[in-house]
Amino acid sequence: MKAILLGPPGAGKGTQAARLSDSLSVPRVSSGDLFRHHQQQDTELGRLARSYMERGALVPDDVTIKMVMEWIDEHEGGGGFLLDGFPRTLTQAQALDSALAGRGGIDKALYISVPQDVVVSRLEGRLVCRDCGTPYHMESAPPDRRGVCPKCGGKLVQRDDDKPEAVRKRIQVYLDETAPLIEYYREQGVLEEVNGESSIEEVGRDLVAALS
C-alpha cells in the first residue's frame, strides 16, 4: 500500500500516520521528520529548511522532494509506504507521480477534513517532544507529566510555527498551496475524505475503512 495523508495543519496527521503505519505494517515519514533529522545533523538542507519553518512558510519544493525521494528509495523495499503531509504543492505531487510511475503510483490519498477555527484551537495548544517529535495537546491529549514526553522523557515545547502569528501564516499557506491537492487527487480517483472533528479513535477507524 502506497498512501499519502493530507489535511490542514493541526488535523492530526502525525497521530493518525503512526496508527496507520502499524495497521498497514508499512514505514511512514513526514517532511517534518526529515527536516528535523537534517537539522539535528546540522546539514545544509536542515539549516535551509529551518529558516522557512520558523516563519510558518513551506520549504522550497526542490529541497523537500530530494529529502522525500531519498527516503522512499531507502525504506520502501517493495512493501509500500505512508507519507504524512507530503506532497504539499501541486509541483511536489506531480514530481511524486513521475517518480512512482514505474511502481504503480499512489494507491490512496487520505484527506482529514477539519474546519479552520478548530485548526487554530488545536495548533495553539499543541506541544511536541524536542527529542522524538511526538505531538501532544494541553487539552485533548495532555502528557502524564507536565512538560515531559512519556515516550522518551524529552522536554515538551511549543514549536515556533505553532505560535499565533505563524499559525495564521501556515493556514494561509495551506489554503493557497496545499488545498488544491484535494481536487488533484479527487480527479485521479484515489481521494478518500474523513471527518477530522471526530475522536482520534473514530478518525482512525474511518481511515482504515477508507483504505479497505
Protein backbone atom coordinates (compact mmCIF):
# COMPACT_ATOMS: atom_id res chain seq x y z
CA MET A 1 0.00 0.00 0.00
CA LYS A 2 1.39 3.37 -1.09
CA ALA A 3 -0.64 6.07 0.61
CA ILE A 4 -0.41 9.76 1.49
CA LEU A 5 -2.14 11.61 4.32
CA LEU A 6 -3.49 15.09 3.61
CA GLY A 7 -5.13 17.75 5.73
CA PRO A 8 -4.63 21.23 7.18
CA PRO A 9 -2.10 21.95 9.93
CA GLY A 10 -3.48 20.56 13.17
CA ALA A 11 -5.68 17.94 11.52
CA GLY A 12 -3.96 15.14 13.43
CA LYS A 13 -1.98 13.72 10.53
CA GLY A 14 1.01 12.76 12.69
CA THR A 15 -1.11 10.86 15.21
CA GLN A 16 -3.08 9.03 12.54
CA ALA A 17 0.01 8.29 10.46
CA ALA A 18 1.51 6.39 13.39
CA ARG A 19 -1.68 4.35 13.83
CA LEU A 20 -1.99 3.60 10.12
CA SER A 21 1.66 2.65 9.82
CA ASP A 22 1.17 0.00 12.49
CA SER A 23 -2.09 -1.19 10.91
CA LEU A 24 -0.63 -1.45 7.40
CA SER A 25 2.82 -2.63 8.51
CA VAL A 26 4.50 -0.09 6.23
CA PRO A 27 7.12 2.57 7.03
CA ARG A 28 5.95 6.15 7.44
CA VAL A 29 7.60 9.53 7.37
CA SER A 30 6.64 13.19 7.35
CA SER A 31 8.52 16.01 5.74
CA GLY A 32 8.82 17.39 9.29
CA ASP A 33 10.58 14.20 10.41
CA LEU A 34 13.05 14.57 7.59
CA PHE A 35 13.59 18.26 8.30
CA ARG A 36 14.25 17.54 11.99
CA HIS A 37 16.71 14.80 11.09
CA HIS A 38 18.65 17.13 8.82
CA GLN A 39 18.52 19.90 11.42
CA GLN A 40 19.84 17.60 14.14
CA GLN A 41 22.67 16.63 11.82
CA ASP A 42 23.13 20.34 11.03
CA THR A 43 23.20 19.71 7.31
CA GLU A 44 22.93 22.50 4.77
CA LEU A 45 19.44 21.28 3.86
CA GLY A 46 18.49 21.25 7.54
CA ARG A 47 19.56 24.84 8.12
CA LEU A 48 17.72 25.96 5.00
CA ALA A 49 14.53 24.12 6.00
CA ARG A 50 14.64 25.63 9.50
CA SER A 51 14.70 29.17 8.15
CA TYR A 52 11.37 28.58 6.37
CA MET A 53 9.68 26.50 9.09
CA GLU A 54 10.30 29.14 11.76
CA ARG A 55 8.33 31.63 9.65
CA GLY A 56 5.49 29.16 9.09
CA ALA A 57 6.31 29.01 5.36
CA LEU A 58 6.67 25.98 3.15
CA VAL A 59 10.16 24.68 2.50
CA PRO A 60 11.02 25.02 -1.24
CA ASP A 61 9.91 22.11 -3.40
CA ASP A 62 13.35 21.07 -4.60
CA VAL A 63 14.61 20.68 -1.02
CA THR A 64 11.60 18.70 0.15
CA ILE A 65 11.43 16.45 -2.92
CA LYS A 66 15.08 15.47 -2.59
CA MET A 67 14.62 14.51 1.07
CA VAL A 68 11.43 12.51 0.47
CA MET A 69 12.54 10.61 -2.63
CA GLU A 70 15.80 9.58 -0.95
CA TRP A 71 13.74 8.26 1.98
CA ILE A 72 11.35 6.32 -0.29
CA ASP A 73 14.21 4.69 -2.19
CA GLU A 74 15.84 3.70 1.10
CA HIS A 75 12.78 2.46 3.02
CA GLU A 76 10.04 1.31 0.66
CA GLY A 77 11.55 -2.04 -0.25
CA GLY A 78 8.56 -3.03 -2.39
CA GLY A 79 6.22 -3.12 0.61
CA GLY A 80 4.73 0.33 0.32
CA PHE A 81 4.89 3.44 2.50
CA LEU A 82 2.82 6.17 4.13
CA LEU A 83 3.68 9.83 3.59
CA ASP A 84 2.41 12.24 6.23
CA GLY A 85 1.78 15.72 4.87
CA PHE A 86 3.69 15.26 1.64
CA PRO A 87 3.17 16.36 -1.10
CA ARG A 88 2.19 19.88 -0.09
CA THR A 89 2.08 21.55 -3.51
CA LEU A 90 0.95 20.55 -6.98
CA THR A 91 4.58 20.63 -8.13
CA GLN A 92 5.50 18.13 -5.43
CA ALA A 93 2.51 15.93 -6.29
CA GLN A 94 3.46 15.87 -9.95
CA ALA A 95 7.09 15.11 -9.11
CA LEU A 96 5.99 12.27 -6.83
CA ASP A 97 3.73 10.85 -9.54
CA SER A 98 6.62 10.92 -12.00
CA ALA A 99 8.98 9.22 -9.55
CA LEU A 100 6.44 6.48 -8.81
CA ALA A 101 5.30 5.95 -12.40
CA GLY A 102 7.11 2.61 -12.58
CA ARG A 103 5.82 1.44 -9.19
CA GLY A 104 2.08 1.75 -9.74
CA GLY A 105 1.68 5.26 -8.37
CA ILE A 106 -0.21 6.31 -5.25
CA ASP A 107 -2.96 3.92 -4.15
CA LYS A 108 -4.84 6.24 -1.80
CA ALA A 109 -4.80 9.91 -0.81
CA LEU A 110 -6.45 10.14 2.61
CA TYR A 111 -7.83 13.61 3.41
CA ILE A 112 -8.61 14.53 7.04
CA SER A 113 -11.07 17.42 6.82
CA VAL A 114 -11.12 19.93 9.72
CA PRO A 115 -12.70 23.45 9.85
CA GLN A 116 -10.34 26.41 10.15
CA ASP A 117 -11.48 27.52 13.63
CA VAL A 118 -10.82 24.04 15.00
CA VAL A 119 -7.38 24.03 13.39
CA VAL A 120 -6.42 27.30 15.13
CA SER A 121 -7.51 25.97 18.53
CA ARG A 122 -5.58 22.75 18.08
CA LEU A 123 -2.35 24.36 16.95
CA GLU A 124 -2.16 27.00 19.65
CA GLY A 125 -2.46 24.31 22.35
CA ARG A 126 -0.03 21.85 20.80
CA LEU A 127 3.29 20.73 22.27
CA VAL A 128 5.92 18.47 20.73
CA CYS A 129 8.80 16.50 22.20
CA ARG A 130 12.09 18.21 21.42
CA ASP A 131 13.85 14.83 21.18
CA CYS A 132 11.47 12.38 19.43
CA GLY A 133 8.94 14.76 17.84
CA THR A 134 5.84 13.11 19.38
CA PRO A 135 2.90 15.61 19.47
CA TYR A 136 0.67 16.33 22.47
CA HIS A 137 -2.07 18.84 23.25
CA MET A 138 -2.70 20.68 26.50
CA GLU A 139 -6.44 19.96 26.31
CA SER A 140 -7.17 16.94 24.12
CA ALA A 141 -4.01 14.86 24.61
CA PRO A 142 -2.02 16.15 27.60
CA PRO A 143 1.12 14.30 28.75
CA ASP A 144 1.08 12.43 32.08
CA ARG A 145 3.76 14.75 33.46
CA ARG A 146 3.64 18.41 32.57
CA GLY A 147 6.40 19.34 30.16
CA VAL A 148 7.82 15.80 29.87
CA CYS A 149 7.37 13.33 26.98
CA PRO A 150 6.02 9.97 28.26
CA LYS A 151 7.73 8.12 25.40
CA CYS A 152 11.32 9.26 25.80
CA GLY A 153 11.48 11.69 28.71
CA GLY A 154 12.35 14.61 26.44
CA LYS A 155 11.26 18.19 27.05
CA LEU A 156 7.92 19.29 25.57
CA VAL A 157 7.99 22.63 23.78
CA GLN A 158 5.76 24.78 21.60
CA ARG A 159 7.11 24.85 18.07
CA ASP A 160 7.89 28.27 16.63
CA ASP A 161 5.43 27.59 13.83
CA ASP A 162 2.62 26.91 16.36
CA LYS A 163 2.78 30.41 17.81
CA PRO A 164 -0.21 32.66 16.86
CA GLU A 165 1.38 34.73 14.10
CA ALA A 166 2.98 31.68 12.48
CA VAL A 167 -0.30 29.73 12.78
CA ARG A 168 -2.15 32.34 10.75
CA LYS A 169 0.58 32.26 8.12
CA ARG A 170 0.58 28.45 7.98
CA ILE A 171 -3.18 28.32 7.42
CA GLN A 172 -2.99 30.86 4.61
CA VAL A 173 -0.10 28.96 3.00
CA TYR A 174 -2.14 25.75 3.25
CA LEU A 175 -5.16 27.35 1.59
CA ASP A 176 -3.04 28.80 -1.21
CA GLU A 177 -0.62 25.93 -1.85
CA THR A 178 -1.90 22.65 -0.42
CA ALA A 179 -5.71 22.72 -0.58
CA PRO A 180 -5.65 22.39 -4.42
CA LEU A 181 -4.23 18.86 -3.93
CA ILE A 182 -7.66 17.72 -2.75
CA GLU A 183 -9.16 18.23 -6.18
CA TYR A 184 -6.00 16.93 -7.86
CA TYR A 185 -6.29 13.54 -6.19
CA ARG A 186 -10.08 13.54 -6.44
CA GLU A 187 -9.73 13.77 -10.22
CA GLN A 188 -7.33 10.80 -10.13
CA GLY A 189 -9.96 8.76 -8.30
CA VAL A 190 -7.75 7.98 -5.28
CA LEU A 191 -9.05 10.53 -2.74
CA GLU A 192 -10.83 9.37 0.41
CA GLU A 193 -12.17 12.05 2.80
CA VAL A 194 -12.87 11.56 6.51
CA ASN A 195 -14.22 13.90 9.18
CA GLY A 196 -11.31 15.06 11.32
CA GLU A 197 -13.53 16.52 14.08
CA SER A 198 -14.29 13.07 15.46
CA SER A 199 -12.26 11.43 18.23
CA ILE A 200 -8.80 10.06 17.49
CA GLU A 201 -10.18 6.51 17.60
CA GLU A 202 -13.10 7.32 15.29
CA VAL A 203 -10.89 9.09 12.75
CA GLY A 204 -8.52 6.12 12.83
CA ARG A 205 -11.33 3.66 12.17
CA ASP A 206 -12.63 5.82 9.33
CA LEU A 207 -9.19 5.95 7.72
CA VAL A 208 -8.75 2.19 7.91
CA ALA A 209 -12.24 1.75 6.45
CA ALA A 210 -11.35 4.14 3.62
CA LEU A 211 -8.32 2.06 2.79
CA SER A 212 -10.41 -1.11 2.84
